[in-house]
Amino acid sequence: MAGPRRPGTSRDRVLEPQAQSIWVGSRQDGITEPTGTVVGDSRGSGWIGRLGVRTRRT
């Protein structure tokens, strides 16, 4: 005889794949500090990535 499922008794799982990518860039102008120290300009860029899996019960 089958009846309604009680919460927390399900053994069914769902796997949700996740992926994320972000491009980042930075540019800073050169400066001269009050002490006379010269700091040159700087530029940089790149990608950041993340892969993962989320699991949950149904």
PDB file of N, CA and C in Angstrom:
ATOM      1  N   MET A   1       0.852  -1.167   0.000  1.00  0.00           N
ATOM      2  CA  MET A   1       0.000   0.000   0.000  1.00  0.00           C
ATOM      3  C   MET A   1       0.900   1.234   0.000  1.00  0.00           C
ATOM      4  N   ALA A   2       0.621   2.123  -0.904  1.00  0.00           N
ATOM      5  CA  ALA A   2       1.417   3.348  -1.027  1.00  0.00           C
ATOM      6  C   ALA A   2       0.700   4.516  -0.370  1.00  0.00           C
ATOM      7  N   GLY A   3       1.456   5.359   0.241  1.00  0.00           N
ATOM      8  CA  GLY A   3       0.899   6.551   0.869  1.00  0.00           C
ATOM      9  C   GLY A   3       1.749   7.762   0.498  1.00  0.00           C
ATOM     10  N   PRO A   4       1.394   8.912   1.027  1.00  0.00           N
ATOM     11  CA  PRO A   4       2.175  10.105   0.719  1.00  0.00           C
ATOM     12  C   PRO A   4       3.580   9.994   1.323  1.00  0.00           C
ATOM     13  N   ARG A   5       4.532  10.599   0.647  1.00  0.00           N
ATOM     14  CA  ARG A   5       5.907  10.590   1.154  1.00  0.00           C
ATOM     15  C   ARG A   5       6.049  11.552   2.316  1.00  0.00           C
ATOM     16  N   ARG A   6       6.801  11.114   3.273  1.00  0.00           N
ATOM     17  CA  ARG A   6       7.098  12.001   4.395  1.00  0.00           C
ATOM     18  C   ARG A   6       8.305  12.855   4.030  1.00  0.00           C
ATOM     19  N   PRO A   7       8.342  14.111   4.481  1.00  0.00           N
ATOM     20  CA  PRO A   7       9.499  14.960   4.186  1.00  0.00           C
ATOM     21  C   PRO A   7      10.783  14.329   4.702  1.00  0.00           C
ATOM     22  N   GLY A   8      11.831  14.402   3.882  1.00  0.00           N
ATOM     23  CA  GLY A   8      13.128  13.873   4.277  1.00  0.00           C
ATOM     24  C   GLY A   8      13.324  12.401   3.988  1.00  0.00           C
ATOM     25  N   THR A   9      12.310  11.717   3.445  1.00  0.00           N
ATOM     26  CA  THR A   9      12.469  10.292   3.173  1.00  0.00           C
ATOM     27  C   THR A   9      12.785  10.014   1.710  1.00  0.00           C
ATOM     28  N   SER A  10      12.739  11.017   0.858  1.00  0.00           N
ATOM     29  CA  SER A  10      13.040  10.815  -0.553  1.00  0.00           C
ATOM     30  C   SER A  10      14.538  10.589  -0.744  1.00  0.00           C
ATOM     31  N   ARG A  11      14.870   9.653  -1.593  1.00  0.00           N
ATOM     32  CA  ARG A  11      16.277   9.395  -1.890  1.00  0.00           C
ATOM     33  C   ARG A  11      16.649   9.899  -3.271  1.00  0.00           C
ATOM     34  N   ASP A  12      15.729  10.579  -3.940  1.00  0.00           N
ATOM     35  CA  ASP A  12      16.015  11.120  -5.265  1.00  0.00           C
ATOM     36  C   ASP A  12      16.881  12.366  -5.128  1.00  0.00           C
ATOM     37  N   ARG A  13      17.900  12.444  -5.961  1.00  0.00           N
ATOM     38  CA  ARG A  13      18.823  13.582  -5.925  1.00  0.00           C
ATOM     39  C   ARG A  13      18.858  14.224  -7.313  1.00  0.00           C
ATOM     40  N   VAL A  14      19.073  15.513  -7.314  1.00  0.00           N
ATOM     41  CA  VAL A  14      19.223  16.255  -8.562  1.00  0.00           C
ATOM     42  C   VAL A  14      20.614  16.872  -8.560  1.00  0.00           C
ATOM     43  N   LEU A  15      21.343  16.700  -9.649  1.00  0.00           N
ATOM     44  CA  LEU A  15      22.652  17.315  -9.812  1.00  0.00           C
ATOM     45  C   LEU A  15      22.516  18.447 -10.828  1.00  0.00           C
ATOM     46  N   GLU A  16      22.919  19.645 -10.444  1.00  0.00           N
ATOM     47  CA  GLU A  16      22.844  20.801 -11.336  1.00  0.00           C
ATOM     48  C   GLU A  16      24.260  21.298 -11.623  1.00  0.00           C
ATOM     49  N   PRO A  17      24.762  21.055 -12.835  1.00  0.00           N
ATOM     50  CA  PRO A  17      26.091  21.562 -13.164  1.00  0.00           C
ATOM     51  C   PRO A  17      26.075  23.088 -13.266  1.00  0.00           C
ATOM     52  N   GLN A  18      27.150  23.713 -12.846  1.00  0.00           N
ATOM     53  CA  GLN A  18      27.248  25.167 -12.885  1.00  0.00           C
ATOM     54  C   GLN A  18      28.592  25.553 -13.470  1.00  0.00           C
ATOM     55  N   ALA A  19      28.605  26.625 -14.257  1.00  0.00           N
ATOM     56  CA  ALA A  19      29.846  27.162 -14.817  1.00  0.00           C
ATOM     57  C   ALA A  19      29.721  28.679 -14.854  1.00  0.00           C
ATOM     58  N   GLN A  20      30.832  29.334 -14.621  1.00  0.00           N
ATOM     59  CA  GLN A  20      30.830  30.791 -14.612  1.00  0.00           C
ATOM     60  C   GLN A  20      32.186  31.260 -15.126  1.00  0.00           C
ATOM     61  N   SER A  21      32.175  32.268 -15.996  1.00  0.00           N
ATOM     62  CA  SER A  21      33.427  32.881 -16.428  1.00  0.00           C
ATOM     63  C   SER A  21      33.256  34.394 -16.409  1.00  0.00           C
ATOM     64  N   ILE A  22      34.301  35.072 -15.987  1.00  0.00           N
ATOM     65  CA  ILE A  22      34.263  36.529 -15.839  1.00  0.00           C
ATOM     66  C   ILE A  22      35.552  37.091 -16.433  1.00  0.00           C
ATOM     67  N   TRP A  23      35.435  38.106 -17.253  1.00  0.00           N
ATOM     68  CA  TRP A  23      36.613  38.816 -17.755  1.00  0.00           C
ATOM     69  C   TRP A  23      36.834  40.037 -16.882  1.00  0.00           C
ATOM     70  N   VAL A  24      38.042  40.231 -16.435  1.00  0.00           N
ATOM     71  CA  VAL A  24      38.372  41.384 -15.602  1.00  0.00           C
ATOM     72  C   VAL A  24      39.504  42.169 -16.256  1.00  0.00           C
ATOM     73  N   GLY A  25      39.432  43.472 -16.116  1.00  0.00           N
ATOM     74  CA  GLY A  25      40.474  44.334 -16.645  1.00  0.00           C
ATOM     75  C   GLY A  25      40.749  45.472 -15.674  1.00  0.00           C
ATOM     76  N   SER A  26      41.999  45.938 -15.675  1.00  0.00           N
ATOM     77  CA  SER A  26      42.375  47.008 -14.765  1.00  0.00           C
ATOM     78  C   SER A  26      43.384  47.912 -15.461  1.00  0.00           C
ATOM     79  N   ARG A  27      43.227  49.215 -15.257  1.00  0.00           N
ATOM     80  CA  ARG A  27      44.203  50.169 -15.779  1.00  0.00           C
ATOM     81  C   ARG A  27      44.394  51.269 -14.756  1.00  0.00           C
ATOM     82  N   GLN A  28      45.629  51.504 -14.399  1.00  0.00           N
ATOM     83  CA  GLN A  28      45.921  52.555 -13.433  1.00  0.00           C
ATOM     84  C   GLN A  28      46.971  53.481 -14.023  1.00  0.00           C
ATOM     85  N   ASP A  29      46.712  54.778 -13.937  1.00  0.00           N
ATOM     86  CA  ASP A  29      47.648  55.774 -14.435  1.00  0.00           C
ATOM     87  C   ASP A  29      48.839  55.895 -13.494  1.00  0.00           C
ATOM     88  N   GLY A  30      49.976  56.309 -14.039  1.00  0.00           N
ATOM     89  CA  GLY A  30      51.155  56.530 -13.220  1.00  0.00           C
ATOM     90  C   GLY A  30      50.999  57.784 -12.363  1.00  0.00           C
ATOM     91  N   ILE A  31      51.677  57.809 -11.231  1.00  0.00           N
ATOM     92  CA  ILE A  31      51.610  58.965 -10.327  1.00  0.00           C
ATOM     93  C   ILE A  31      53.008  59.264  -9.777  1.00  0.00           C
ATOM     94  N   THR A  32      53.162  60.462  -9.276  1.00  0.00           N
ATOM     95  CA  THR A  32      54.361  60.821  -8.526  1.00  0.00           C
ATOM     96  C   THR A  32      53.931  61.125  -7.099  1.00  0.00           C
ATOM     97  N   GLU A  33      54.475  60.373  -6.157  1.00  0.00           N
ATOM     98  CA  GLU A  33      54.108  60.559  -4.754  1.00  0.00           C
ATOM     99  C   GLU A  33      54.751  61.833  -4.202  1.00  0.00           C
ATOM    100  N   PRO A  34      54.219  62.346  -3.091  1.00  0.00           N
ATOM    101  CA  PRO A  34      54.777  63.565  -2.498  1.00  0.00           C
ATOM    102  C   PRO A  34      56.265  63.453  -2.165  1.00  0.00           C
ATOM    103  N   THR A  35      56.758  62.245  -1.965  1.00  0.00           N
ATOM    104  CA  THR A  35      58.175  62.050  -1.647  1.00  0.00           C
ATOM    105  C   THR A  35      59.048  62.057  -2.897  1.00  0.00           C
ATOM    106  N   GLY A  36      58.422  62.154  -4.078  1.00  0.00           N
ATOM    107  CA  GLY A  36      59.162  62.158  -5.333  1.00  0.00           C
ATOM    108  C   GLY A  36      59.259  60.803  -6.005  1.00  0.00           C
ATOM    109  N   THR A  37      58.733  59.786  -5.373  1.00  0.00           N
ATOM    110  CA  THR A  37      58.751  58.444  -5.953  1.00  0.00           C
ATOM    111  C   THR A  37      57.774  58.375  -7.117  1.00  0.00           C
ATOM    112  N   VAL A  38      58.264  57.909  -8.261  1.00  0.00           N
ATOM    113  CA  VAL A  38      57.412  57.781  -9.448  1.00  0.00           C
ATOM    114  C   VAL A  38      56.901  56.351  -9.530  1.00  0.00           C
ATOM    115  N   VAL A  39      55.592  56.214  -9.641  1.00  0.00           N
ATOM    116  CA  VAL A  39      54.958  54.906  -9.793  1.00  0.00           C
ATOM    117  C   VAL A  39      54.396  54.857 -11.195  1.00  0.00           C
ATOM    118  N   GLY A  40      54.905  53.939 -12.012  1.00  0.00           N
ATOM    119  CA  GLY A  40      54.496  53.843 -13.407  1.00  0.00           C
ATOM    120  C   GLY A  40      53.082  53.313 -13.566  1.00  0.00           C
ATOM    121  N   ASP A  41      52.564  53.493 -14.785  1.00  0.00           N
ATOM    122  CA  ASP A  41      51.208  53.014 -15.056  1.00  0.00           C
ATOM    123  C   ASP A  41      51.192  51.489 -15.123  1.00  0.00           C
ATOM    124  N   SER A  42      50.014  50.933 -14.980  1.00  0.00           N
ATOM    125  CA  SER A  42      49.860  49.484 -14.930  1.00  0.00           C
ATOM    126  C   SER A  42      48.564  49.096 -15.627  1.00  0.00           C
ATOM    127  N   ARG A  43      48.662  48.061 -16.420  1.00  0.00           N
ATOM    128  CA  ARG A  43      47.475  47.521 -17.088  1.00  0.00           C
ATOM    129  C   ARG A  43      47.491  46.010 -16.940  1.00  0.00           C
ATOM    130  N   GLY A  44      46.320  45.439 -16.815  1.00  0.00           N
ATOM    131  CA  GLY A  44      46.220  43.988 -16.717  1.00  0.00           C
ATOM    132  C   GLY A  44      44.814  43.524 -17.040  1.00  0.00           C
ATOM    133  N   SER A  45      44.719  42.307 -17.501  1.00  0.00           N
ATOM    134  CA  SER A  45      43.404  41.729 -17.776  1.00  0.00           C
ATOM    135  C   SER A  45      43.526  40.210 -17.736  1.00  0.00           C
ATOM    136  N   GLY A  46      42.401  39.558 -17.637  1.00  0.00           N
ATOM    137  CA  GLY A  46      42.405  38.099 -17.623  1.00  0.00           C
ATOM    138  C   GLY A  46      41.018  37.541 -17.366  1.00  0.00           C
ATOM    139  N   TRP A  47      40.960  36.251 -17.390  1.00  0.00           N
ATOM    140  CA  TRP A  47      39.708  35.524 -17.169  1.00  0.00           C
ATOM    141  C   TRP A  47      39.752  34.804 -15.834  1.00  0.00           C
ATOM    142  N   ILE A  48      38.606  34.761 -15.179  1.00  0.00           N
ATOM    143  CA  ILE A  48      38.428  33.985 -13.959  1.00  0.00           C
ATOM    144  C   ILE A  48      37.305  32.983 -14.246  1.00  0.00           C
ATOM    145  N   GLY A  49      37.518  31.733 -13.916  1.00  0.00           N
ATOM    146  CA  GLY A  49      36.502  30.718 -14.185  1.00  0.00           C
ATOM    147  C   GLY A  49      36.200  29.885 -12.955  1.00  0.00           C
ATOM    148  N   ARG A  50      34.999  29.326 -12.952  1.00  0.00           N
ATOM    149  CA  ARG A  50      34.568  28.486 -11.844  1.00  0.00           C
ATOM    150  C   ARG A  50      33.667  27.393 -12.388  1.00  0.00           C
ATOM    151  N   LEU A  51      33.895  26.173 -11.949  1.00  0.00           N
ATOM    152  CA  LEU A  51      33.029  25.044 -12.279  1.00  0.00           C
ATOM    153  C   LEU A  51      32.547  24.424 -10.977  1.00  0.00           C
ATOM    154  N   GLY A  52      31.325  23.948 -10.987  1.00  0.00           N
ATOM    155  CA  GLY A  52      30.805  23.336  -9.777  1.00  0.00           C
ATOM    156  C   GLY A  52      29.563  22.511 -10.031  1.00  0.00           C
ATOM    157  N   VAL A  53      29.119  21.857  -9.005  1.00  0.00           N
ATOM    158  CA  VAL A  53      27.899  21.048  -9.069  1.00  0.00           C
ATOM    159  C   VAL A  53      27.104  21.312  -7.803  1.00  0.00           C
ATOM    160  N   ARG A  54      25.823  21.542  -7.986  1.00  0.00           N
ATOM    161  CA  ARG A  54      24.915  21.701  -6.844  1.00  0.00           C
ATOM    162  C   ARG A  54      24.073  20.442  -6.742  1.00  0.00           C
ATOM    163  N   THR A  55      23.941  19.932  -5.536  1.00  0.00           N
ATOM    164  CA  THR A  55      23.098  18.740  -5.333  1.00  0.00           C
ATOM    165  C   THR A  55      21.944  19.131  -4.402  1.00  0.00           C
ATOM    166  N   ARG A  56      20.813  18.523  -4.660  1.00  0.00           N
ATOM    167  CA  ARG A  56      19.662  18.749  -3.783  1.00  0.00           C
ATOM    168  C   ARG A  56      18.735  17.547  -3.899  1.00  0.00           C
ATOM    169  N   ARG A  57      17.921  17.410  -2.858  1.00  0.00           N
ATOM    170  CA  ARG A  57      16.917  16.344  -2.842  1.00  0.00           C
ATOM    171  C   ARG A  57      15.641  16.845  -3.494  1.00  0.00           C
ATOM    172  N   THR A  58      14.904  15.912  -4.074  1.00  0.00           N
ATOM    173  CA  THR A  58      13.592  16.279  -4.636  1.00  0.00           C
ATOM    174  C   THR A  58      12.497  15.802  -3.724  1.00  0.00           C
TER     175      THR A  58
END
